[in-house]
C-alpha atoms as a PDB file:
ATOM      1  CA  MET A   1     -58.834 -46.981  31.156  1.00  0.00           C
ATOM      2  CA  GLU A   2     -62.245 -49.053  32.485  1.00  0.00           C
ATOM      3  CA  LYS A   3     -62.021 -51.151  29.435  1.00  0.00           C
ATOM      4  CA  GLU A   4     -58.343 -51.517  29.668  1.00  0.00           C
ATOM      5  CA  SER A   5     -59.170 -53.081  33.606  1.00  0.00           C
ATOM      6  CA  ILE A   6     -61.900 -55.386  32.041  1.00  0.00           C
ATOM      7  CA  THR A   7     -59.787 -57.225  29.451  1.00  0.00           C
ATOM      8  CA  GLU A   8     -56.832 -57.346  31.864  1.00  0.00           C
ATOM      9  CA  ASN A   9     -58.501 -58.913  34.107  1.00  0.00           C
ATOM     10  CA  ALA A  10     -60.057 -61.474  31.812  1.00  0.00           C
ATOM     11  CA  ASN A  11     -56.569 -62.684  30.722  1.00  0.00           C
ATOM     12  CA  GLU A  12     -55.700 -63.530  34.241  1.00  0.00           C
ATOM     13  CA  PRO A  13     -56.842 -66.570  34.592  1.00  0.00           C
ATOM     14  CA  GLU A  14     -55.567 -67.610  31.231  1.00  0.00           C
ATOM     15  CA  LYS A  15     -51.679 -66.219  32.524  1.00  0.00           C
ATOM     16  CA  LEU A  16     -52.022 -67.972  35.938  1.00  0.00           C
ATOM     17  CA  LYS A  17     -52.627 -71.423  33.527  1.00  0.00           C
ATOM     18  CA  GLU A  18     -50.031 -70.600  31.074  1.00  0.00           C
ATOM     19  CA  GLU A  19     -47.369 -70.180  34.307  1.00  0.00           C
ATOM     20  CA  VAL A  20     -48.997 -73.414  36.345  1.00  0.00           C
ATOM     21  CA  ARG A  21     -48.118 -75.505  33.377  1.00  0.00           C
ATOM     22  CA  ILE A  22     -44.576 -73.764  32.745  1.00  0.00           C
ATOM     23  CA  ASN A  23     -44.197 -74.827  36.561  1.00  0.00           C
ATOM     24  CA  ASP A  24     -45.392 -78.202  36.113  1.00  0.00           C
ATOM     25  CA  PHE A  25     -42.958 -78.781  33.235  1.00  0.00           C
ATOM     26  CA  TYR A  26     -39.964 -77.036  34.468  1.00  0.00           C
ATOM     27  CA  ASP A  27     -40.984 -79.659  38.090  1.00  0.00           C
ATOM     28  CA  TYR A  28     -40.963 -82.512  35.239  1.00  0.00           C
ATOM     29  CA  ALA A  29     -37.576 -81.592  33.703  1.00  0.00           C
ATOM     30  CA  THR A  30     -35.607 -80.940  36.932  1.00  0.00           C
ATOM     31  CA  LYS A  31     -36.636 -84.531  38.470  1.00  0.00           C
ATOM     32  CA  ARG A  32     -35.364 -85.942  35.268  1.00  0.00           C
ATOM     33  CA  ASN A  33     -32.220 -84.062  35.151  1.00  0.00           C
ATOM     34  CA  GLU A  34     -31.482 -82.393  38.505  1.00  0.00           C
ATOM     35  CA  VAL A  35     -28.633 -80.687  36.778  1.00  0.00           C
ATOM     36  CA  LEU A  36     -30.849 -78.000  35.051  1.00  0.00           C
ATOM     37  CA  LYS A  37     -31.418 -76.645  38.614  1.00  0.00           C
ATOM     38  CA  ASN A  38     -27.751 -75.286  38.310  1.00  0.00           C
ATOM     39  CA  ILE A  39     -28.944 -73.210  35.338  1.00  0.00           C
ATOM     40  CA  PRO A  40     -31.362 -70.365  36.444  1.00  0.00           C
ATOM     41  CA  GLU A  41     -34.603 -71.217  36.837  1.00  0.00           C
ATOM     42  CA  SER A  42     -35.862 -67.634  34.824  1.00  0.00           C
ATOM     43  CA  GLU A  43     -33.903 -69.135  31.714  1.00  0.00           C
ATOM     44  CA  VAL A  44     -35.170 -72.549  32.073  1.00  0.00           C
ATOM     45  CA  LYS A  45     -38.371 -71.214  32.011  1.00  0.00           C
ATOM     46  CA  SER A  46     -38.203 -69.230  29.242  1.00  0.00           C
ATOM     47  CA  PHE A  47     -37.147 -71.580  27.148  1.00  0.00           C
ATOM     48  CA  ILE A  48     -39.727 -74.066  28.262  1.00  0.00           C
ATOM     49  CA  ASN A  49     -42.444 -71.501  27.442  1.00  0.00           C
ATOM     50  CA  GLU A  50     -41.273 -70.840  24.124  1.00  0.00           C
ATOM     51  CA  ALA A  51     -40.766 -74.972  22.865  1.00  0.00           C
ATOM     52  CA  VAL A  52     -44.419 -75.338  24.906  1.00  0.00           C
ATOM     53  CA  LYS A  53     -45.625 -72.354  22.354  1.00  0.00           C
ATOM     54  CA  GLU A  54     -43.619 -74.431  19.073  1.00  0.00           C
ATOM     55  CA  ILE A  55     -45.549 -77.612  20.283  1.00  0.00           C
ATOM     56  CA  ASP A  56     -49.080 -76.304  20.598  1.00  0.00           C
ATOM     57  CA  LEU A  57     -49.006 -74.739  17.093  1.00  0.00           C
ATOM     58  CA  LEU A  58     -47.389 -78.180  15.821  1.00  0.00           C
ATOM     59  CA  GLU A  59     -50.112 -79.828  17.509  1.00  0.00           C
ATOM     60  CA  GLU A  60     -52.715 -77.588  16.038  1.00  0.00           C
ATOM     61  CA  THR A  61     -51.392 -77.704  12.128  1.00  0.00           C
ATOM     62  CA  ALA A  62     -51.166 -81.202  12.962  1.00  0.00           C
ATOM     63  CA  GLU A  63     -54.444 -81.997  13.737  1.00  0.00           C
ATOM     64  CA  ARG A  64     -55.747 -79.914  10.875  1.00  0.00           C
ATOM     65  CA  ASP A  65     -53.535 -82.031   8.382  1.00  0.00           C
ATOM     66  CA  LYS A  66     -54.845 -85.408   9.727  1.00  0.00           C
ATOM     67  CA  ARG A  67     -58.045 -84.762   8.259  1.00  0.00           C
ATOM     68  CA  LYS A  68     -56.780 -83.362   5.118  1.00  0.00           C
ATOM     69  CA  PHE A  69     -54.100 -82.174   3.106  1.00  0.00           C
ATOM     70  CA  ASP A  70     -54.401 -79.004   1.118  1.00  0.00           C
ATOM     71  CA  LEU A  71     -51.041 -77.784  -0.190  1.00  0.00           C
ATOM     72  CA  PRO A  72     -50.728 -74.728  -2.259  1.00  0.00           C
ATOM     73  CA  ASN A  73     -49.245 -75.926  -5.685  1.00  0.00           C
ATOM     74  CA  GLU A  74     -46.125 -73.924  -5.288  1.00  0.00           C
ATOM     75  CA  ILE A  75     -45.301 -75.620  -2.069  1.00  0.00           C
ATOM     76  CA  ALA A  76     -46.077 -78.689  -3.416  1.00  0.00           C
ATOM     77  CA  LYS A  77     -44.137 -78.220  -6.340  1.00  0.00           C
ATOM     78  CA  ASN A  78     -40.796 -77.439  -4.112  1.00  0.00           C
ATOM     79  CA  ILE A  79     -40.663 -80.194  -2.186  1.00  0.00           C
ATOM     80  CA  GLY A  80     -37.941 -82.197  -3.247  1.00  0.00           C
ATOM     81  CA  ALA A  81     -37.382 -85.197  -0.421  1.00  0.00           C
ATOM     82  CA  ILE A  82     -39.891 -86.390   2.907  1.00  0.00           C
ATOM     83  CA  TRP A  83     -37.578 -87.318   5.700  1.00  0.00           C
ATOM     84  CA  ILE A  84     -39.595 -89.382   7.921  1.00  0.00           C
ATOM     85  CA  PHE A  85     -38.189 -90.117  11.755  1.00  0.00           C
ATOM     86  CA  SER A  86     -39.001 -93.518  13.127  1.00  0.00           C
ATOM     87  CA  SER A  87     -40.795 -94.134  16.325  1.00  0.00           C
ATOM     88  CA  SER A  88     -42.353 -96.374  18.822  1.00  0.00           C
ATOM     89  CA  GLY A  89     -43.262 -99.689  16.845  1.00  0.00           C
ATOM     90  CA  THR A  90     -43.083-100.727  13.580  1.00  0.00           C
ATOM     91  CA  TYR A  91     -44.950-100.951  10.669  1.00  0.00           C
ATOM     92  CA  PHE A  92     -46.422-104.314  11.464  1.00  0.00           C
ATOM     93  CA  GLU A  93     -46.270-103.926  15.405  1.00  0.00           C
ATOM     94  CA  PRO A  94     -47.679-101.385  17.981  1.00  0.00           C
ATOM     95  CA  LYS A  95     -44.826-101.516  20.294  1.00  0.00           C
ATOM     96  CA  LYS A  96     -40.663-102.773  20.795  1.00  0.00           C
ATOM     97  CA  GLU A  97     -38.470-103.197  23.183  1.00  0.00           C
ATOM     98  CA  ASP A  98     -37.976 -99.288  23.872  1.00  0.00           C
ATOM     99  CA  ARG A  99     -38.719 -96.129  26.051  1.00  0.00           C
ATOM    100  CA  TYR A 100     -42.251 -95.908  24.912  1.00  0.00           C
ATOM    101  CA  LYS A 101     -43.560 -99.431  25.111  1.00  0.00           C
ATOM    102  CA  ASN A 102     -45.301 -99.096  28.810  1.00  0.00           C
ATOM    103  CA  TYR A 103     -47.214 -95.751  27.121  1.00  0.00           C
ATOM    104  CA  PRO A 104     -50.030 -96.607  25.472  1.00  0.00           C
ATOM    105  CA  TRP A 105     -50.802 -93.594  23.459  1.00  0.00           C
ATOM    106  CA  ALA A 106     -47.227 -94.278  21.823  1.00  0.00           C
ATOM    107  CA  ASP A 107     -48.595 -97.473  19.815  1.00  0.00           C
ATOM    108  CA  TRP A 108     -48.202 -97.553  16.373  1.00  0.00           C
ATOM    109  CA  MET A 109     -46.648 -94.099  16.147  1.00  0.00           C
ATOM    110  CA  ASP A 110     -44.120 -95.332  13.361  1.00  0.00           C
ATOM    111  CA  ARG A 111     -46.590 -96.788  11.049  1.00  0.00           C
ATOM    112  CA  THR A 112     -48.741 -93.442  11.976  1.00  0.00           C
ATOM    113  CA  ARG A 113     -45.603 -91.344  10.848  1.00  0.00           C
ATOM    114  CA  LEU A 114     -45.246 -93.546   7.576  1.00  0.00           C
ATOM    115  CA  ASN A 115     -48.723 -93.366   6.711  1.00  0.00           C
ATOM    116  CA  HIS A 116     -48.783 -89.641   7.033  1.00  0.00           C
ATOM    117  CA  ALA A 117     -45.620 -89.185   4.840  1.00  0.00           C
ATOM    118  CA  THR A 118     -47.441 -91.348   2.040  1.00  0.00           C
ATOM    119  CA  ARG A 119     -50.439 -88.924   2.460  1.00  0.00           C
ATOM    120  CA  LEU A 120     -48.417 -86.021   1.725  1.00  0.00           C
ATOM    121  CA  ALA A 121     -46.208 -88.096  -1.139  1.00  0.00           C
ATOM    122  CA  ARG A 122     -49.876 -88.653  -2.706  1.00  0.00           C
ATOM    123  CA  LYS A 123     -50.575 -85.132  -2.545  1.00  0.00           C
ATOM    124  CA  ILE A 124     -47.529 -83.405  -3.609  1.00  0.00           C
ATOM    125  CA  THR A 125     -47.662 -86.005  -6.658  1.00  0.00           C
ATOM    126  CA  GLU A 126     -51.460 -84.739  -7.478  1.00  0.00           C
ATOM    127  CA  LYS A 127     -50.158 -81.201  -7.383  1.00  0.00           C
ATOM    128  CA  VAL A 128     -47.235 -81.827  -9.299  1.00  0.00           C
ATOM    129  CA  SER A 129     -48.658 -84.004 -11.941  1.00  0.00           C
ATOM    130  CA  GLY A 130     -51.730 -82.576 -12.410  1.00  0.00           C
ATOM    131  CA  GLN A 131     -53.782 -85.682 -11.968  1.00  0.00           C
ATOM    132  CA  ASN A 132     -56.567 -86.280  -9.240  1.00  0.00           C
ATOM    133  CA  PHE A 133     -56.126 -90.063  -7.631  1.00  0.00           C
ATOM    134  CA  LYS A 134     -59.879 -89.964  -5.950  1.00  0.00           C
ATOM    135  CA  ALA A 135     -62.020 -92.787  -7.176  1.00  0.00           C
ATOM    136  CA  PRO A 136     -65.286 -95.001  -6.026  1.00  0.00           C
ATOM    137  CA  LEU A 137     -64.130 -98.188  -4.227  1.00  0.00           C
ATOM    138  CA  SER A 138     -65.126 -99.901  -7.499  1.00  0.00           C
ATOM    139  CA  GLU A 139     -61.748 -98.546  -8.753  1.00  0.00           C
ATOM    140  CA  ILE A 140     -59.627 -98.896  -5.717  1.00  0.00           C
ATOM    141  CA  VAL A 141     -57.101-101.251  -7.323  1.00  0.00           C
ATOM    142  CA  LEU A 142     -56.602 -99.823 -10.187  1.00  0.00           C
ATOM    143  CA  THR A 143     -56.116 -96.074  -8.799  1.00  0.00           C
ATOM    144  CA  LYS A 144     -53.404 -97.515  -6.393  1.00  0.00           C
ATOM    145  CA  ARG A 145     -51.822 -98.855  -9.882  1.00  0.00           C
ATOM    146  CA  LYS A 146     -52.067 -95.064 -11.014  1.00  0.00           C
ATOM    147  CA  THR A 147     -51.283 -93.832  -7.909  1.00  0.00           C
ATOM    148  CA  LYS A 148     -47.559 -95.650  -7.436  1.00  0.00           C
ATOM    149  CA  GLU A 149     -46.836 -94.919 -11.286  1.00  0.00           C
ATOM    150  CA  ALA A 150     -47.666 -91.368 -10.826  1.00  0.00           C
ATOM    151  CA  ILE A 151     -45.490 -91.046  -7.564  1.00  0.00           C
ATOM    152  CA  LEU A 152     -42.722 -92.856  -9.268  1.00  0.00           C
ATOM    153  CA  ASN A 153     -42.845 -90.250 -12.168  1.00  0.00           C
ATOM    154  CA  TYR A 154     -43.747 -87.021 -10.488  1.00  0.00           C
ATOM    155  CA  GLY A 155     -43.472 -87.600  -6.721  1.00  0.00           C
ATOM    156  CA  PRO A 156     -40.863 -87.165  -3.814  1.00  0.00           C
ATOM    157  CA  TYR A 157     -38.068 -88.702  -2.385  1.00  0.00           C
ATOM    158  CA  ILE A 158     -38.597 -90.439   0.923  1.00  0.00           C
ATOM    159  CA  VAL A 159     -36.004 -90.974   3.280  1.00  0.00           C
ATOM    160  CA  TYR A 160     -36.218 -93.055   6.324  1.00  0.00           C
ATOM    161  CA  ASN A 161     -33.673 -94.257   8.867  1.00  0.00           C
ATOM    162  CA  GLY A 162     -34.283 -96.057  11.893  1.00  0.00           C
ATOM    163  CA  ALA A 163     -33.320 -99.243  13.655  1.00  0.00           C
ATOM    164  CA  PRO A 164     -32.764-102.119  12.148  1.00  0.00           C
ATOM    165  CA  LEU A 165     -35.976-103.802  12.700  1.00  0.00           C
ATOM    166  CA  GLU A 166     -38.132-100.634  11.936  1.00  0.00           C
ATOM    167  CA  ASN A 167     -35.956-100.607   8.419  1.00  0.00           C
ATOM    168  CA  GLU A 168     -36.900-103.921   7.946  1.00  0.00           C
ATOM    169  CA  ALA A 169     -40.609-103.589   8.548  1.00  0.00           C
ATOM    170  CA  VAL A 170     -40.889-100.550   5.752  1.00  0.00           C
ATOM    171  CA  ALA A 171     -38.896-102.421   3.269  1.00  0.00           C
ATOM    172  CA  ARG A 172     -41.276-105.142   3.901  1.00  0.00           C
ATOM    173  CA  ALA A 173     -44.293-103.302   3.586  1.00  0.00           C
ATOM    174  CA  LEU A 174     -43.073-101.459   0.190  1.00  0.00           C
ATOM    175  CA  THR A 175     -43.299-104.914  -0.769  1.00  0.00           C
ATOM    176  CA  GLN A 176     -46.793-105.916   0.079  1.00  0.00           C
ATOM    177  CA  GLU A 177     -49.681-105.855  -2.569  1.00  0.00           C
ATOM    178  CA  GLY A 178     -51.689-102.532  -2.859  1.00  0.00           C
ATOM    179  CA  THR A 179     -48.847-100.234  -1.423  1.00  0.00           C
ATOM    180  CA  ILE A 180     -48.581 -96.952  -3.250  1.00  0.00           C
ATOM    181  CA  ILE A 181     -45.093 -96.058  -2.850  1.00  0.00           C
ATOM    182  CA  PRO A 182     -42.609 -97.519  -5.074  1.00  0.00           C
ATOM    183  CA  LYS A 183     -39.213 -98.870  -3.737  1.00  0.00           C
ATOM    184  CA  GLU A 184     -38.054 -96.780  -5.913  1.00  0.00           C
ATOM    185  CA  LYS A 185     -38.278 -93.699  -4.497  1.00  0.00           C
ATOM    186  CA  VAL A 186     -37.341 -95.257  -0.857  1.00  0.00           C
ATOM    187  CA  ASP A 187     -34.228 -94.519   0.580  1.00  0.00           C
ATOM    188  CA  ILE A 188     -33.631 -96.641   3.728  1.00  0.00           C
ATOM    189  CA  ILE A 189     -30.507 -95.715   5.534  1.00  0.00           C
ATOM    190  CA  GLU A 190     -29.454 -99.020   6.376  1.00  0.00           C
ATOM    191  CA  LYS A 191     -27.198 -97.986   9.996  1.00  0.00           C
ATOM    192  CA  ASP A 192     -27.553 -99.080  13.802  1.00  0.00           C
ATOM    193  CA  ILE A 193     -29.196 -96.400  14.829  1.00  0.00           C
ATOM    194  CA  LYS A 194     -30.590 -96.199  18.246  1.00  0.00           C
ATOM    195  CA  ASN A 195     -31.424 -92.634  19.008  1.00  0.00           C
ATOM    196  CA  THR A 196     -32.486 -89.066  17.116  1.00  0.00           C
ATOM    197  CA  ILE A 197     -29.099 -87.570  16.819  1.00  0.00           C
ATOM    198  CA  GLU A 198     -27.869 -90.685  15.480  1.00  0.00           C
ATOM    199  CA  GLN A 199     -30.810 -90.550  12.653  1.00  0.00           C
ATOM    200  CA  ILE A 200     -29.863 -86.985  12.180  1.00  0.00           C
ATOM    201  CA  THR A 201     -25.776 -87.850  12.018  1.00  0.00           C
ATOM    202  CA  THR A 202     -26.036 -90.402   9.701  1.00  0.00           C
ATOM    203  CA  PHE A 203     -28.948 -88.513   6.935  1.00  0.00           C
ATOM    204  CA  LYS A 204     -28.080 -88.083   3.336  1.00  0.00           C
ATOM    205  CA  LEU A 205     -30.184 -86.784   0.684  1.00  0.00           C
ATOM    206  CA  PRO A 206     -31.367 -88.154  -2.153  1.00  0.00           C
ATOM    207  CA  ASP A 207     -28.438 -88.790  -4.949  1.00  0.00           C
ATOM    208  CA  LYS A 208     -31.312 -87.038  -7.070  1.00  0.00           C
ATOM    209  CA  PHE A 209     -32.360 -84.198  -4.612  1.00  0.00           C
ATOM    210  CA  GLU A 210     -32.541 -80.910  -6.599  1.00  0.00           C
ATOM    211  CA  LYS A 211     -31.066 -78.097  -5.105  1.00  0.00           C
ATOM    212  CA  GLY A 212     -33.094 -75.724  -4.093  1.00  0.00           C
ATOM    213  CA  LYS A 213     -35.746 -77.887  -3.113  1.00  0.00           C
ATOM    214  CA  GLU A 214     -37.103 -78.229   0.276  1.00  0.00           C
ATOM    215  CA  ILE A 215     -36.869 -80.919   2.741  1.00  0.00           C
ATOM    216  CA  ALA A 216     -40.300 -82.352   4.539  1.00  0.00           C
ATOM    217  CA  LEU A 217     -39.600 -83.488   8.109  1.00  0.00           C
ATOM    218  CA  VAL A 218     -42.535 -85.779   9.336  1.00  0.00           C
ATOM    219  CA  ALA A 219     -42.710 -86.981  13.210  1.00  0.00           C
ATOM    220  CA  HIS A 220     -44.810 -86.137  16.166  1.00  0.00           C
ATOM    221  CA  ALA A 221     -45.177 -82.571  17.129  1.00  0.00           C
ATOM    222  CA  PRO A 222     -43.216 -82.629  20.298  1.00  0.00           C
ATOM    223  CA  HIS A 223     -40.277 -84.699  18.758  1.00  0.00           C
ATOM    224  CA  LEU A 224     -40.058 -82.030  15.938  1.00  0.00           C
ATOM    225  CA  ILE A 225     -38.959 -79.293  18.894  1.00  0.00           C
ATOM    226  CA  ARG A 226     -35.957 -81.214  19.139  1.00  0.00           C
ATOM    227  CA  ILE A 227     -35.281 -82.544  16.009  1.00  0.00           C
ATOM    228  CA  VAL A 228     -35.154 -79.212  14.517  1.00  0.00           C
ATOM    229  CA  ARG A 229     -32.476 -78.284  17.202  1.00  0.00           C
ATOM    230  CA  MET A 230     -30.094 -80.975  16.345  1.00  0.00           C
ATOM    231  CA  ILE A 231     -30.159 -80.497  12.772  1.00  0.00           C
ATOM    232  CA  ASN A 232     -29.251 -77.054  13.646  1.00  0.00           C
ATOM    233  CA  LYS A 233     -26.334 -78.561  15.686  1.00  0.00           C
ATOM    234  CA  TYR A 234     -25.127 -80.976  13.102  1.00  0.00           C
ATOM    235  CA  LYS A 235     -26.302 -79.476   9.747  1.00  0.00           C
ATOM    236  CA  PRO A 236     -26.650 -82.970   7.795  1.00  0.00           C
ATOM    237  CA  PHE A 237     -27.442 -81.073   4.909  1.00  0.00           C
ATOM    238  CA  PRO A 238     -25.860 -78.351   2.814  1.00  0.00           C
ATOM    239  CA  GLU A 239     -26.273 -74.646   4.324  1.00  0.00           C
ATOM    240  CA  GLY A 240     -29.166 -72.749   3.427  1.00  0.00           C
ATOM    241  CA  THR A 241     -31.379 -76.002   2.791  1.00  0.00           C
ATOM    242  CA  LYS A 242     -34.864 -75.097   3.590  1.00  0.00           C
ATOM    243  CA  THR A 243     -36.979 -77.453   5.655  1.00  0.00           C
ATOM    244  CA  ARG A 244     -40.892 -77.817   5.841  1.00  0.00           C
ATOM    245  CA  LEU A 245     -42.467 -79.093   9.136  1.00  0.00           C
ATOM    246  CA  PHE A 246     -45.215 -81.569   8.319  1.00  0.00           C
ATOM    247  CA  PRO A 247     -46.470 -82.848  12.423  1.00  0.00           C
ATOM    248  CA  VAL A 248     -48.584 -85.684  13.473  1.00  0.00           C
ATOM    249  CA  PRO A 249     -50.687 -85.312  15.899  1.00  0.00           C
ATOM    250  CA  THR A 250     -49.901 -86.832  19.676  1.00  0.00           C
ATOM    251  CA  PRO A 251     -53.176 -89.110  20.722  1.00  0.00           C
ATOM    252  CA  THR A 252     -55.068 -86.665  23.122  1.00  0.00           C
ATOM    253  CA  GLU A 253     -54.453 -88.993  26.024  1.00  0.00           C
ATOM    254  CA  GLY A 254     -50.503 -88.897  25.730  1.00  0.00           C
ATOM    255  CA  LYS A 255     -50.262 -85.053  24.291  1.00  0.00           C
ATOM    256  CA  GLU A 256     -49.556 -83.264  27.502  1.00  0.00           C
ATOM    257  CA  GLU A 257     -47.312 -86.163  28.560  1.00  0.00           C
ATOM    258  CA  TYR A 258     -45.291 -86.569  25.671  1.00  0.00           C
ATOM    259  CA  ALA A 259     -44.698 -82.878  25.601  1.00  0.00           C
ATOM    260  CA  LYS A 260     -43.272 -82.951  28.778  1.00  0.00           C
ATOM    261  CA  MET A 261     -40.943 -85.672  27.919  1.00  0.00           C
ATOM    262  CA  GLU A 262     -40.215 -83.563  24.605  1.00  0.00           C
ATOM    263  CA  VAL A 263     -39.544 -80.342  26.424  1.00  0.00           C
ATOM    264  CA  SER A 264     -37.446 -82.307  29.148  1.00  0.00           C
ATOM    265  CA  GLY A 265     -35.260 -84.289  26.637  1.00  0.00           C
ATOM    266  CA  THR A 266     -34.443 -80.951  24.753  1.00  0.00           C
ATOM    267  CA  LEU A 267     -33.494 -79.234  27.531  1.00  0.00           C
ATOM    268  CA  TYR A 268     -30.890 -81.853  28.365  1.00  0.00           C
ATOM    269  CA  TYR A 269     -29.572 -81.694  24.700  1.00  0.00           C
ATOM    270  CA  THR A 270     -29.614 -77.689  24.710  1.00  0.00           C
ATOM    271  CA  HIS A 271     -28.425 -77.189  28.036  1.00  0.00           C
ATOM    272  CA  ILE A 272     -26.403 -80.094  29.436  1.00  0.00           C
ATOM    273  CA  THR A 273     -24.686 -82.255  26.299  1.00  0.00           C
ATOM    274  CA  LYS A 274     -25.041 -79.467  23.974  1.00  0.00           C
ATOM    275  CA  ASP A 275     -26.249 -82.152  21.199  1.00  0.00           C
ATOM    276  CA  ALA A 276     -28.531 -79.401  20.266  1.00  0.00           C
ATOM    277  CA  THR A 277     -28.697 -75.822  19.973  1.00  0.00           C
ATOM    278  CA  LYS A 278     -30.984 -73.467  21.817  1.00  0.00           C
ATOM    279  CA  GLU A 279     -32.683 -72.287  18.751  1.00  0.00           C
ATOM    280  CA  PRO A 280     -34.135 -74.241  16.152  1.00  0.00           C
ATOM    281  CA  TYR A 281     -32.932 -74.937  12.699  1.00  0.00           C
ATOM    282  CA  PRO A 282     -35.250 -72.110  10.581  1.00  0.00           C
ATOM    283  CA  TYR A 283     -38.088 -73.981   9.429  1.00  0.00           C
ATOM    284  CA  GLU A 284     -41.577 -73.397   8.042  1.00  0.00           C
ATOM    285  CA  ILE A 285     -44.487 -75.249   8.749  1.00  0.00           C
ATOM    286  CA  SER A 286     -46.847 -77.217   6.972  1.00  0.00           C
ATOM    287  CA  TYR A 287     -49.091 -74.650   4.906  1.00  0.00           C
ATOM    288  CA  PRO A 288     -51.372 -71.804   5.155  1.00  0.00           C
ATOM    289  CA  LEU A 289     -54.865 -72.576   6.723  1.00  0.00           C
ATOM    290  CA  PRO A 290     -57.130 -74.296   4.482  1.00  0.00           C
ATOM    291  CA  LYS A 291     -61.131 -73.975   4.153  1.00  0.00           C
ATOM    292  CA  GLU A 292     -62.350 -77.346   6.251  1.00  0.00           C
ATOM    293  CA  ASN A 293     -62.770 -80.518   4.340  1.00  0.00           C
ATOM    294  CA  HIS A 294     -61.912 -84.262   4.145  1.00  0.00           C
ATOM    295  CA  GLU A 295     -60.390 -86.806   2.428  1.00  0.00           C
ATOM    296  CA  PRO A 296     -59.292 -90.200   2.959  1.00  0.00           C
ATOM    297  CA  ASN A 297     -56.796 -91.515   4.907  1.00  0.00           C
ATOM    298  CA  GLU A 298     -53.621 -93.480   2.515  1.00  0.00           C
ATOM    299  CA  THR A 299     -51.431 -96.024   3.915  1.00  0.00           C
ATOM    300  CA  ILE A 300     -48.055 -97.198   2.565  1.00  0.00           C
END
């Protein structure tokens, strides 16, 4: 009994900290959308609690994956497509005219997601082809050519659907000298997209996507909790299609603020407009924790 009391007392500060955090998220969400106050507070806070746990786990995974993808063969070989959700800025510009333009931590988010997906495509291709693309700097040009050819032959398809300005930047990046992603493997869905709902409702699987394969979703950790609930509402691909999340880490200075923004937005779409379900579309997150290691970053 005495040991239990000591353990319970030790957990009290952590419980209090969690409660304060949930209250903070609740106040932020209800200030942005006062109609949420018409829903029982306990229901909203319960949703916030689960959403925050999801984000924290995704952020932890993202911080690990930014250092190295250590994909097991069975996971790598079962990914048939990578779906990249556009974000603030473009591949060539840190920011654009959107709601994130006044948040410095959001600069270059679109480029960061694209580069994260490029690293993932490279790693998948290594696993599927059995090739190793590491090389000394003196051989970097030849290695990039070898990598690009391998991705063309063995790599996953990549889908990107953003606003016209974002799509144009990706198309231009694919033509640049040194890019390792062949344009033949990329589907840019040319629609006048303004938000995440339109990204999901306009999504189309690549024509050569193999039934039974998984779709890898790439976006920043907080954004993914909204994405998977909108996917569950609009079902943009055949029922039973498996998804695996590869979150991008939010810059440290923006982690809590971005989490609040996305939890608030998710509450709005799940509880008010009904453009998202309260439960997420079934998903897996990246892969089991590997040994600590490092590998160089890649760009498109």
